[in-house]
């Protein structure tokens, strides 16, 4: 039915930017920064463009083509091979692919020496345009604590003026960074974690004893930040990496004082591919 002529089209006979399959899942192999293999459950979204005068595509072909690569080790670079196959097998001018997974990294506690696994929501994305140009992106979520600078000042004021014990409010917060890797260069998930930690300092902890909790309280107090500060700190850090061509940073502070959240978006803007759209902040809730 999808191969019928234009007379079978329902609605406007116009091209469609993306059509395909979202969230088909399978275990895929990846490589850690040190070269060790790891297998992770992955959610895959694959789509292609659809020209005017064509009723539709063969949806199952997107999944079948992808399964031909399932035994490979997946990197952002491998997505170009999959996307090229999509364009050929589905006779499309553009194609897009995103792999979402939860990536573990072992993290040490602040003082006690304990270790535990921190999981980071991440995605590899590939895009091939009409001219065959390939662009690779990496998306990475970083969860941290944000202590409000204004609240910290008010707590100190209460102690000084009224000898009243007060606790500044802080909250679990999330930064979602999306980077476009420069052609011929490599950026790992470990690289992105290091950038986030260097910029924001106050990553949430896995294994905690009393001395670790005290260390975290001290660090949180010395690294107070508004959501605007968080976005700018991440911008400064990512902009210093010559392997990153373009990027967008989206931060959400899930306020403990207010019933609403504070949000901030900033992008480098070399390419128009990062729009700075804030409509998807619901998915940033921790």
Protein backbone atom coordinates (compact mmCIF):
# COMPACT_ATOMS: atom_id res chain seq x y z
CA UNK A 1 0.00 0.00 0.00
CA UNK A 2 2.86 2.38 0.74
CA UNK A 3 3.96 2.15 -2.92
CA UNK A 4 0.72 3.50 -4.36
CA UNK A 5 0.85 6.62 -6.51
CA UNK A 6 0.13 10.17 -5.34
CA UNK A 7 -3.61 9.76 -5.80
CA UNK A 8 -3.66 7.52 -2.71
CA UNK A 9 -2.18 10.20 -0.41
CA UNK A 10 -4.51 11.38 2.34
CA UNK A 11 -4.26 15.08 3.16
CA UNK A 12 -1.77 17.52 1.68
CA UNK A 13 0.69 16.16 -0.87
CA UNK A 14 3.80 17.59 0.80
CA UNK A 15 7.17 16.17 1.88
CA UNK A 16 7.63 14.91 5.45
CA UNK A 17 10.78 15.87 7.32
CA UNK A 18 11.05 12.68 9.42
CA UNK A 19 9.10 9.43 9.41
CA UNK A 20 10.21 6.17 11.00
CA UNK A 21 10.25 4.09 14.18
CA UNK A 22 10.87 5.28 17.73
CA UNK A 23 12.03 3.32 20.79
CA UNK A 24 12.75 -0.14 19.47
CA UNK A 25 15.08 -1.72 21.99
CA UNK A 26 17.95 -4.17 21.86
CA UNK A 27 21.30 -4.78 23.60
CA UNK A 28 24.20 -3.09 21.83
CA UNK A 29 27.93 -3.13 22.43
CA UNK A 30 29.92 0.02 23.15
CA UNK A 31 33.53 0.75 24.08
CA UNK A 32 34.65 2.57 27.19
CA UNK A 33 37.27 5.31 26.98
CA UNK A 34 39.95 2.79 27.99
CA UNK A 35 38.90 0.31 25.32
CA UNK A 36 36.91 -2.13 27.50
CA UNK A 37 33.68 -3.39 25.90
CA UNK A 38 30.28 -2.95 27.55
CA UNK A 39 26.81 -4.12 26.50
CA UNK A 40 23.87 -1.79 27.26
CA UNK A 41 20.15 -1.92 26.63
CA UNK A 42 19.55 0.72 23.98
CA UNK A 43 16.46 2.55 22.75
CA UNK A 44 16.75 3.27 19.03
CA UNK A 45 14.91 5.87 16.98
CA UNK A 46 15.44 5.78 13.22
CA UNK A 47 13.81 8.02 10.64
CA UNK A 48 14.13 9.12 7.03
CA UNK A 49 12.63 11.88 4.93
CA UNK A 50 9.65 11.27 2.68
CA UNK A 51 9.29 13.11 -0.61
CA UNK A 52 6.04 14.54 -1.91
CA UNK A 53 4.09 12.21 -4.24
CA UNK A 54 5.13 9.20 -2.12
CA UNK A 55 2.48 7.79 0.20
CA UNK A 56 4.81 6.25 2.77
CA UNK A 57 7.86 4.15 3.64
CA UNK A 58 8.36 0.53 4.61
CA UNK A 59 8.60 1.02 8.39
CA UNK A 60 9.87 -2.47 9.17
CA UNK A 61 12.81 -1.93 6.82
CA UNK A 62 14.24 0.63 9.25
CA UNK A 63 14.44 -2.01 11.95
CA UNK A 64 15.66 -4.76 9.61
CA UNK A 65 18.48 -2.59 8.28
CA UNK A 66 19.54 -1.65 11.79
CA UNK A 67 19.64 -5.30 12.88
CA UNK A 68 22.25 -5.93 10.18
CA UNK A 69 24.63 -3.85 12.35
CA UNK A 70 23.65 -5.25 15.77
CA UNK A 71 26.90 -7.21 16.22
CA UNK A 72 29.11 -4.17 15.64
CA UNK A 73 30.61 -2.01 18.40
CA UNK A 74 28.65 1.22 18.31
CA UNK A 75 30.34 4.59 18.17
CA UNK A 76 29.04 7.92 16.86
CA UNK A 77 31.10 7.25 13.70
CA UNK A 78 29.34 3.94 12.99
CA UNK A 79 26.02 5.75 12.71
CA UNK A 80 27.13 7.11 9.34
CA UNK A 81 27.21 3.58 7.89
CA UNK A 82 23.73 2.82 9.23
CA UNK A 83 22.31 6.08 7.91
CA UNK A 84 23.83 5.58 4.47
CA UNK A 85 22.14 2.17 4.33
CA UNK A 86 18.85 3.78 5.35
CA UNK A 87 19.03 6.32 2.54
CA UNK A 88 19.78 3.64 -0.05
CA UNK A 89 17.33 0.99 1.12
CA UNK A 90 14.44 3.38 1.74
CA UNK A 91 15.21 5.69 -1.21
CA UNK A 92 15.28 8.84 0.94
CA UNK A 93 17.31 12.02 0.75
CA UNK A 94 17.85 12.46 4.51
CA UNK A 95 18.14 10.13 7.49
CA UNK A 96 18.45 10.43 11.25
CA UNK A 97 19.32 7.97 14.01
CA UNK A 98 19.49 8.26 17.82
CA UNK A 99 20.63 5.62 20.32
CA UNK A 100 19.62 6.23 23.96
CA UNK A 101 21.18 4.31 26.83
CA UNK A 102 22.20 4.55 30.48
CA UNK A 103 26.00 4.57 30.82
CA UNK A 104 27.74 3.52 34.08
CA UNK A 105 30.89 5.11 35.49
CA UNK A 106 32.50 4.13 38.78
CA UNK A 107 32.84 7.13 41.09
CA UNK A 108 34.73 7.47 44.37
CA UNK A 109 33.23 9.11 47.45
CA UNK A 110 34.60 12.47 48.56
CA UNK A 111 36.51 11.39 51.69
CA UNK A 112 35.85 7.81 52.79
CA UNK A 113 37.30 6.09 49.72
CA UNK A 114 34.12 4.13 48.97
CA UNK A 115 33.19 3.55 45.32
CA UNK A 116 29.87 3.13 43.56
CA UNK A 117 28.34 3.18 40.07
CA UNK A 118 26.88 6.43 38.78
CA UNK A 119 24.56 6.04 35.77
CA UNK A 120 24.35 8.76 33.13
CA UNK A 121 21.55 9.07 30.59
CA UNK A 122 23.24 9.50 27.22
CA UNK A 123 22.57 9.28 23.50
CA UNK A 124 24.48 9.07 20.24
CA UNK A 125 22.82 10.86 17.33
CA UNK A 126 23.70 10.86 13.64
CA UNK A 127 22.27 12.96 10.81
CA UNK A 128 22.85 12.66 7.06
CA UNK A 129 21.49 15.46 4.85
CA UNK A 130 20.53 15.66 1.18
CA UNK A 131 24.15 16.15 0.12
CA UNK A 132 25.42 13.18 2.12
CA UNK A 133 27.04 15.31 4.81
CA UNK A 134 27.25 13.46 8.14
CA UNK A 135 26.94 15.15 11.53
CA UNK A 136 27.47 13.35 14.85
CA UNK A 137 26.13 14.50 18.17
CA UNK A 138 26.36 13.25 21.74
CA UNK A 139 23.76 14.02 24.39
CA UNK A 140 24.63 13.70 28.08
CA UNK A 141 22.71 14.29 31.33
CA UNK A 142 24.55 15.39 34.47
CA UNK A 143 22.79 15.52 37.85
CA UNK A 144 24.12 17.93 40.46
CA UNK A 145 23.16 19.92 43.54
CA UNK A 146 22.57 23.66 43.30
CA UNK A 147 22.56 25.85 46.41
CA UNK A 148 20.89 29.23 45.92
CA UNK A 149 23.28 32.21 46.42
CA UNK A 150 20.43 34.50 47.52
CA UNK A 151 19.22 31.97 50.08
CA UNK A 152 22.77 31.55 51.40
CA UNK A 153 23.07 35.32 51.95
CA UNK A 154 19.68 35.46 53.68
CA UNK A 155 20.67 32.60 55.99
CA UNK A 156 23.84 34.46 56.99
CA UNK A 157 21.83 37.66 57.50
CA UNK A 158 19.44 35.84 59.82
CA UNK A 159 22.34 34.55 61.93
CA UNK A 160 24.01 37.95 62.10
CA UNK A 161 20.92 40.08 62.75
CA UNK A 162 18.70 37.77 64.82
CA UNK A 163 21.01 34.93 65.92
CA UNK A 164 18.62 32.60 64.10
CA UNK A 165 19.79 29.28 62.69
CA UNK A 166 18.84 29.06 59.00
CA UNK A 167 19.60 26.60 56.22
CA UNK A 168 19.98 27.86 52.64
CA UNK A 169 17.80 25.99 50.20
CA UNK A 170 19.36 23.73 47.58
CA UNK A 171 17.95 21.22 45.14
CA UNK A 172 18.78 18.35 42.85
CA UNK A 173 19.38 19.80 39.40
CA UNK A 174 20.12 18.51 35.94
CA UNK A 175 22.16 19.72 32.99
CA UNK A 176 21.58 18.24 29.56
CA UNK A 177 24.46 18.96 27.21
CA UNK A 178 24.32 18.24 23.49
CA UNK A 179 27.57 18.50 21.57
CA UNK A 180 28.37 18.23 17.89
CA UNK A 181 31.76 16.61 17.44
CA UNK A 182 34.16 18.19 14.98
CA UNK A 183 34.65 16.01 11.86
CA UNK A 184 37.58 13.62 12.31
CA UNK A 185 37.68 14.17 16.09
CA UNK A 186 36.48 12.12 19.05
CA UNK A 187 34.68 13.05 22.27
CA UNK A 188 33.91 10.32 24.81
CA UNK A 189 31.20 10.18 27.45
CA UNK A 190 33.97 10.24 30.04
CA UNK A 191 35.18 13.52 28.50
CA UNK A 192 31.71 15.04 28.87
CA UNK A 193 31.42 13.87 32.48
CA UNK A 194 34.76 15.48 33.29
CA UNK A 195 33.67 18.74 31.64
CA UNK A 196 30.46 18.80 33.67
CA UNK A 197 32.21 18.00 36.94
CA UNK A 198 34.92 20.61 36.33
CA UNK A 199 32.31 23.27 35.59
CA UNK A 200 29.69 22.54 38.26
CA UNK A 201 31.66 20.68 40.99
CA UNK A 202 28.63 19.48 42.96
CA UNK A 203 27.69 16.20 41.29
CA UNK A 204 25.31 14.05 43.35
CA UNK A 205 27.01 11.19 45.19
CA UNK A 206 26.59 7.40 45.11
CA UNK A 207 28.31 5.94 48.20
CA UNK A 208 28.22 8.21 51.24
CA UNK A 209 29.43 7.96 54.85
CA UNK A 210 29.22 10.76 57.40
CA UNK A 211 32.54 12.27 56.35
CA UNK A 212 31.40 12.27 52.72
CA UNK A 213 28.15 13.99 53.61
CA UNK A 214 30.08 16.67 55.46
CA UNK A 215 32.44 17.13 52.53
CA UNK A 216 29.47 17.48 50.16
CA UNK A 217 27.86 20.09 52.43
CA UNK A 218 31.11 22.07 52.44
CA UNK A 219 31.44 21.80 48.66
CA UNK A 220 27.80 22.77 48.12
CA UNK A 221 28.28 25.81 50.32
CA UNK A 222 31.39 26.94 48.48
CA UNK A 223 29.86 26.45 45.01
CA UNK A 224 26.53 28.30 45.21
CA UNK A 225 24.99 28.99 41.80
CA UNK A 226 21.88 30.21 40.05
CA UNK A 227 20.64 28.33 36.99
CA UNK A 228 22.14 31.11 34.85
CA UNK A 229 25.53 30.52 36.48
CA UNK A 230 25.34 26.80 35.76
CA UNK A 231 24.66 27.36 32.06
CA UNK A 232 27.52 29.84 31.69
CA UNK A 233 29.98 27.66 33.60
CA UNK A 234 29.20 24.75 31.28
CA UNK A 235 29.48 27.01 28.23
CA UNK A 236 32.97 28.10 29.30
CA UNK A 237 34.08 24.51 29.86
CA UNK A 238 32.70 23.08 26.60
CA UNK A 239 33.95 26.02 24.55
CA UNK A 240 37.51 25.21 25.65
CA UNK A 241 37.40 21.74 23.99
CA UNK A 242 38.65 22.05 20.41
CA UNK A 243 37.09 18.68 19.51
CA UNK A 244 33.61 20.12 20.06
CA UNK A 245 32.31 22.05 17.08
CA UNK A 246 28.96 23.22 18.42
CA UNK A 247 26.89 22.64 21.54
CA UNK A 248 23.78 23.40 23.53
CA UNK A 249 23.39 23.44 27.32
CA UNK A 250 20.03 23.13 29.06
CA UNK A 251 19.82 23.35 32.87
CA UNK A 252 16.88 22.81 35.20
CA UNK A 253 16.92 23.54 38.94
CA UNK A 254 14.02 21.74 40.62
CA UNK A 255 13.35 24.38 43.23
CA UNK A 256 12.87 23.37 46.86
CA UNK A 257 11.54 26.86 47.70
CA UNK A 258 9.14 27.33 44.79
CA UNK A 259 6.46 25.14 43.25
CA UNK A 260 8.01 25.77 39.83
CA UNK A 261 11.42 25.05 38.33
CA UNK A 262 14.13 27.40 37.12
CA UNK A 263 15.46 26.76 33.61
CA UNK A 264 18.21 28.08 31.38
CA UNK A 265 19.33 27.30 27.82
CA UNK A 266 22.48 28.47 26.08
CA UNK A 267 24.04 27.39 22.80
CA UNK A 268 27.21 28.24 20.93
CA UNK A 269 25.33 28.68 17.70
CA UNK A 270 27.91 27.79 15.07
CA UNK A 271 25.21 25.74 13.38
CA UNK A 272 21.45 26.31 13.43
CA UNK A 273 20.92 22.69 14.41
CA UNK A 274 20.63 23.62 18.11
CA UNK A 275 17.58 25.80 18.45
CA UNK A 276 17.66 26.65 22.15
CA UNK A 277 14.09 25.37 22.46
CA UNK A 278 12.90 25.10 26.08
CA UNK A 279 9.67 23.17 25.39
CA UNK A 280 11.23 19.80 26.24
CA UNK A 281 12.15 20.68 29.83
CA UNK A 282 9.58 18.25 31.21
CA UNK A 283 12.01 15.44 30.36
CA UNK A 284 14.73 17.16 32.41
CA UNK A 285 12.89 16.47 35.69
CA UNK A 286 15.05 14.19 37.82
